[in-house]
Amino acid sequence: MTTARDHLSKADTATIADIEVAAPVLVEARGLIDRFHSMISNQTAAPGCR
């Protein structure tokens, strides 16, 4: 669920879709992880940050 969907096979995409339907909390978790990753990436790219 962490790989970009455009890099997955059709079978893998269908499997991920099935998992997301069965466990919507995983979709929410992925969104939170993506937001956290973006926040960390932006913080390390900002001038003056360590």
PDB file of N, CA and C in Angstrom:
ATOM      1  N   MET A   1       0.815  -1.199   0.000  1.00  0.00           N
ATOM      2  CA  MET A   1       0.000   0.000   0.000  1.00  0.00           C
ATOM      3  C   MET A   1       0.857   1.260   0.000  1.00  0.00           C
ATOM      4  N   THR A   2       2.160   1.085   0.058  1.00  0.00           N
ATOM      5  CA  THR A   2       3.007   2.271   0.056  1.00  0.00           C
ATOM      6  C   THR A   2       3.635   2.543  -1.303  1.00  0.00           C
ATOM      7  N   THR A   3       3.422   1.665  -2.248  1.00  0.00           N
ATOM      8  CA  THR A   3       3.948   1.859  -3.600  1.00  0.00           C
ATOM      9  C   THR A   3       2.935   2.657  -4.418  1.00  0.00           C
ATOM     10  N   ALA A   4       3.443   3.575  -5.225  1.00  0.00           N
ATOM     11  CA  ALA A   4       2.547   4.335  -6.086  1.00  0.00           C
ATOM     12  C   ALA A   4       1.780   3.382  -6.996  1.00  0.00           C
ATOM     13  N   ARG A   5       0.508   3.627  -7.141  1.00  0.00           N
ATOM     14  CA  ARG A   5      -0.337   2.694  -7.892  1.00  0.00           C
ATOM     15  C   ARG A   5       0.038   2.596  -9.360  1.00  0.00           C
ATOM     16  N   ASP A   6       0.646   3.624  -9.913  1.00  0.00           N
ATOM     17  CA  ASP A   6       1.019   3.556 -11.319  1.00  0.00           C
ATOM     18  C   ASP A   6       2.202   2.610 -11.540  1.00  0.00           C
ATOM     19  N   HIS A   7       2.800   2.115 -10.460  1.00  0.00           N
ATOM     20  CA  HIS A   7       3.900   1.155 -10.564  1.00  0.00           C
ATOM     21  C   HIS A   7       3.459  -0.271 -10.246  1.00  0.00           C
ATOM     22  N   LEU A   8       2.176  -0.481 -10.012  1.00  0.00           N
ATOM     23  CA  LEU A   8       1.666  -1.804  -9.673  1.00  0.00           C
ATOM     24  C   LEU A   8       1.065  -2.492 -10.892  1.00  0.00           C
ATOM     25  N   SER A   9       1.087  -3.810 -10.862  1.00  0.00           N
ATOM     26  CA  SER A   9       0.407  -4.565 -11.913  1.00  0.00           C
ATOM     27  C   SER A   9      -1.107  -4.446 -11.697  1.00  0.00           C
ATOM     28  N   LYS A  10      -1.869  -4.819 -12.701  1.00  0.00           N
ATOM     29  CA  LYS A  10      -3.329  -4.784 -12.569  1.00  0.00           C
ATOM     30  C   LYS A  10      -3.791  -5.695 -11.439  1.00  0.00           C
ATOM     31  N   ALA A  11      -3.157  -6.859 -11.323  1.00  0.00           N
ATOM     32  CA  ALA A  11      -3.529  -7.803 -10.260  1.00  0.00           C
ATOM     33  C   ALA A  11      -3.238  -7.214  -8.878  1.00  0.00           C
ATOM     34  N   ASP A  12      -2.086  -6.571  -8.738  1.00  0.00           N
ATOM     35  CA  ASP A  12      -1.743  -5.957  -7.461  1.00  0.00           C
ATOM     36  C   ASP A  12      -2.683  -4.799  -7.137  1.00  0.00           C
ATOM     37  N   THR A  13      -3.023  -4.011  -8.134  1.00  0.00           N
ATOM     38  CA  THR A  13      -3.957  -2.904  -7.935  1.00  0.00           C
ATOM     39  C   THR A  13      -5.309  -3.420  -7.468  1.00  0.00           C
ATOM     40  N   ALA A  14      -5.784  -4.505  -8.061  1.00  0.00           N
ATOM     41  CA  ALA A  14      -7.062  -5.103  -7.657  1.00  0.00           C
ATOM     42  C   ALA A  14      -6.978  -5.644  -6.233  1.00  0.00           C
ATOM     43  N   THR A  15      -5.861  -6.256  -5.894  1.00  0.00           N
ATOM     44  CA  THR A  15      -5.679  -6.777  -4.530  1.00  0.00           C
ATOM     45  C   THR A  15      -5.706  -5.648  -3.514  1.00  0.00           C
ATOM     46  N   ILE A  16      -4.995  -4.565  -3.799  1.00  0.00           N
ATOM     47  CA  ILE A  16      -4.983  -3.405  -2.897  1.00  0.00           C
ATOM     48  C   ILE A  16      -6.387  -2.835  -2.746  1.00  0.00           C
ATOM     49  N   ALA A  17      -7.123  -2.733  -3.834  1.00  0.00           N
ATOM     50  CA  ALA A  17      -8.493  -2.226  -3.771  1.00  0.00           C
ATOM     51  C   ALA A  17      -9.362  -3.106  -2.878  1.00  0.00           C
ATOM     52  N   ASP A  18      -9.212  -4.413  -2.994  1.00  0.00           N
ATOM     53  CA  ASP A  18      -9.963  -5.343  -2.147  1.00  0.00           C
ATOM     54  C   ASP A  18      -9.612  -5.161  -0.669  1.00  0.00           C
ATOM     55  N   ILE A  19      -8.333  -5.003  -0.387  1.00  0.00           N
ATOM     56  CA  ILE A  19      -7.884  -4.798   0.991  1.00  0.00           C
ATOM     57  C   ILE A  19      -8.455  -3.501   1.545  1.00  0.00           C
ATOM     58  N   GLU A  20      -8.423  -2.444   0.744  1.00  0.00           N
ATOM     59  CA  GLU A  20      -8.932  -1.154   1.207  1.00  0.00           C
ATOM     60  C   GLU A  20     -10.423  -1.196   1.501  1.00  0.00           C
ATOM     61  N   VAL A  21     -11.163  -1.950   0.715  1.00  0.00           N
ATOM     62  CA  VAL A  21     -12.596  -2.092   0.964  1.00  0.00           C
ATOM     63  C   VAL A  21     -12.818  -2.853   2.273  1.00  0.00           C
ATOM     64  N   ALA A  22     -12.019  -3.892   2.495  1.00  0.00           N
ATOM     65  CA  ALA A  22     -12.180  -4.734   3.681  1.00  0.00           C
ATOM     66  C   ALA A  22     -11.653  -4.055   4.952  1.00  0.00           C
ATOM     67  N   ALA A  23     -10.673  -3.169   4.816  1.00  0.00           N
ATOM     68  CA  ALA A  23     -10.044  -2.546   5.984  1.00  0.00           C
ATOM     69  C   ALA A  23      -9.825  -1.057   5.738  1.00  0.00           C
ATOM     70  N   PRO A  24     -10.893  -0.257   5.792  1.00  0.00           N
ATOM     71  CA  PRO A  24     -10.769   1.170   5.508  1.00  0.00           C
ATOM     72  C   PRO A  24      -9.826   1.903   6.466  1.00  0.00           C
ATOM     73  N   VAL A  25      -9.583   1.342   7.629  1.00  0.00           N
ATOM     74  CA  VAL A  25      -8.645   1.980   8.552  1.00  0.00           C
ATOM     75  C   VAL A  25      -7.237   2.025   7.956  1.00  0.00           C
ATOM     76  N   LEU A  26      -6.908   1.071   7.085  1.00  0.00           N
ATOM     77  CA  LEU A  26      -5.609   1.092   6.415  1.00  0.00           C
ATOM     78  C   LEU A  26      -5.491   2.270   5.455  1.00  0.00           C
ATOM     79  N   VAL A  27      -6.599   2.636   4.835  1.00  0.00           N
ATOM     80  CA  VAL A  27      -6.607   3.809   3.946  1.00  0.00           C
ATOM     81  C   VAL A  27      -6.316   5.063   4.768  1.00  0.00           C
ATOM     82  N   GLU A  28      -6.959   5.162   5.927  1.00  0.00           N
ATOM     83  CA  GLU A  28      -6.724   6.301   6.810  1.00  0.00           C
ATOM     84  C   GLU A  28      -5.269   6.319   7.287  1.00  0.00           C
ATOM     85  N   ALA A  29      -4.746   5.166   7.656  1.00  0.00           N
ATOM     86  CA  ALA A  29      -3.357   5.086   8.115  1.00  0.00           C
ATOM     87  C   ALA A  29      -2.396   5.520   7.005  1.00  0.00           C
ATOM     88  N   ARG A  30      -2.668   5.080   5.788  1.00  0.00           N
ATOM     89  CA  ARG A  30      -1.791   5.475   4.680  1.00  0.00           C
ATOM     90  C   ARG A  30      -1.819   6.993   4.479  1.00  0.00           C
ATOM     91  N   GLY A  31      -2.992   7.580   4.592  1.00  0.00           N
ATOM     92  CA  GLY A  31      -3.096   9.033   4.470  1.00  0.00           C
ATOM     93  C   GLY A  31      -2.286   9.749   5.538  1.00  0.00           C
ATOM     94  N   LEU A  32      -2.351   9.246   6.764  1.00  0.00           N
ATOM     95  CA  LEU A  32      -1.580   9.846   7.856  1.00  0.00           C
ATOM     96  C   LEU A  32      -0.081   9.685   7.626  1.00  0.00           C
ATOM     97  N   ILE A  33       0.315   8.525   7.154  1.00  0.00           N
ATOM     98  CA  ILE A  33       1.733   8.288   6.863  1.00  0.00           C
ATOM     99  C   ILE A  33       2.208   9.216   5.752  1.00  0.00           C
ATOM    100  N   ASP A  34       1.393   9.370   4.720  1.00  0.00           N
ATOM    101  CA  ASP A  34       1.753  10.275   3.619  1.00  0.00           C
ATOM    102  C   ASP A  34       1.897  11.711   4.113  1.00  0.00           C
ATOM    103  N   ARG A  35       0.978  12.142   4.970  1.00  0.00           N
ATOM    104  CA  ARG A  35       1.053  13.507   5.523  1.00  0.00           C
ATOM    105  C   ARG A  35       2.301  13.681   6.373  1.00  0.00           C
ATOM    106  N   PHE A  36       2.611  12.680   7.199  1.00  0.00           N
ATOM    107  CA  PHE A  36       3.799  12.740   8.040  1.00  0.00           C
ATOM    108  C   PHE A  36       5.061  12.799   7.178  1.00  0.00           C
ATOM    109  N   HIS A  37       5.121  11.951   6.169  1.00  0.00           N
ATOM    110  CA  HIS A  37       6.280  11.938   5.274  1.00  0.00           C
ATOM    111  C   HIS A  37       6.449  13.299   4.601  1.00  0.00           C
ATOM    112  N   SER A  38       5.365  13.880   4.150  1.00  0.00           N
ATOM    113  CA  SER A  38       5.421  15.192   3.517  1.00  0.00           C
ATOM    114  C   SER A  38       5.909  16.251   4.504  1.00  0.00           C
ATOM    115  N   MET A  39       5.422  16.185   5.734  1.00  0.00           N
ATOM    116  CA  MET A  39       5.816  17.149   6.759  1.00  0.00           C
ATOM    117  C   MET A  39       7.316  17.036   7.044  1.00  0.00           C
ATOM    118  N   ILE A  40       7.814  15.816   7.172  1.00  0.00           N
ATOM    119  CA  ILE A  40       9.237  15.603   7.431  1.00  0.00           C
ATOM    120  C   ILE A  40      10.068  16.049   6.240  1.00  0.00           C
ATOM    121  N   SER A  41       9.634  15.738   5.044  1.00  0.00           N
ATOM    122  CA  SER A  41      10.369  16.139   3.839  1.00  0.00           C
ATOM    123  C   SER A  41      10.442  17.648   3.728  1.00  0.00           C
ATOM    124  N   ASN A  42       9.351  18.325   4.018  1.00  0.00           N
ATOM    125  CA  ASN A  42       9.332  19.789   3.948  1.00  0.00           C
ATOM    126  C   ASN A  42      10.219  20.392   5.024  1.00  0.00           C
ATOM    127  N   GLN A  43      10.250  19.782   6.188  1.00  0.00           N
ATOM    128  CA  GLN A  43      11.051  20.300   7.295  1.00  0.00           C
ATOM    129  C   GLN A  43      12.543  20.184   6.991  1.00  0.00           C
ATOM    130  N   THR A  44      12.961  19.076   6.437  1.00  0.00           N
ATOM    131  CA  THR A  44      14.379  18.888   6.156  1.00  0.00           C
ATOM    132  C   THR A  44      14.821  19.713   4.955  1.00  0.00           C
ATOM    133  N   ALA A  45      13.901  20.106   4.096  1.00  0.00           N
ATOM    134  CA  ALA A  45      14.247  20.913   2.920  1.00  0.00           C
ATOM    135  C   ALA A  45      14.294  22.396   3.233  1.00  0.00           C
ATOM    136  N   ALA A  46      13.717  22.816   4.369  1.00  0.00           N
ATOM    137  CA  ALA A  46      13.662  24.222   4.709  1.00  0.00           C
ATOM    138  C   ALA A  46      15.040  24.716   5.151  1.00  0.00           C
ATOM    139  N   PRO A  47      15.409  25.929   4.725  1.00  0.00           N
ATOM    140  CA  PRO A  47      16.708  26.481   5.129  1.00  0.00           C
ATOM    141  C   PRO A  47      16.775  26.646   6.653  1.00  0.00           C
ATOM    142  N   GLY A  48      17.927  26.339   7.215  1.00  0.00           N
ATOM    143  CA  GLY A  48      18.137  26.522   8.643  1.00  0.00           C
ATOM    144  C   GLY A  48      17.665  25.358   9.494  1.00  0.00           C
ATOM    145  N   CYS A  49      17.065  24.330   8.884  1.00  0.00           N
ATOM    146  CA  CYS A  49      16.619  23.171   9.641  1.00  0.00           C
ATOM    147  C   CYS A  49      17.749  22.144   9.717  1.00  0.00           C
ATOM    148  N   ARG A  50      17.785  21.423  10.805  1.00  0.00           N
ATOM    149  CA  ARG A  50      18.820  20.400  10.972  1.00  0.00           C
ATOM    150  C   ARG A  50      18.285  19.057  10.641  1.00  0.00           C
TER     151      ARG A  50
END
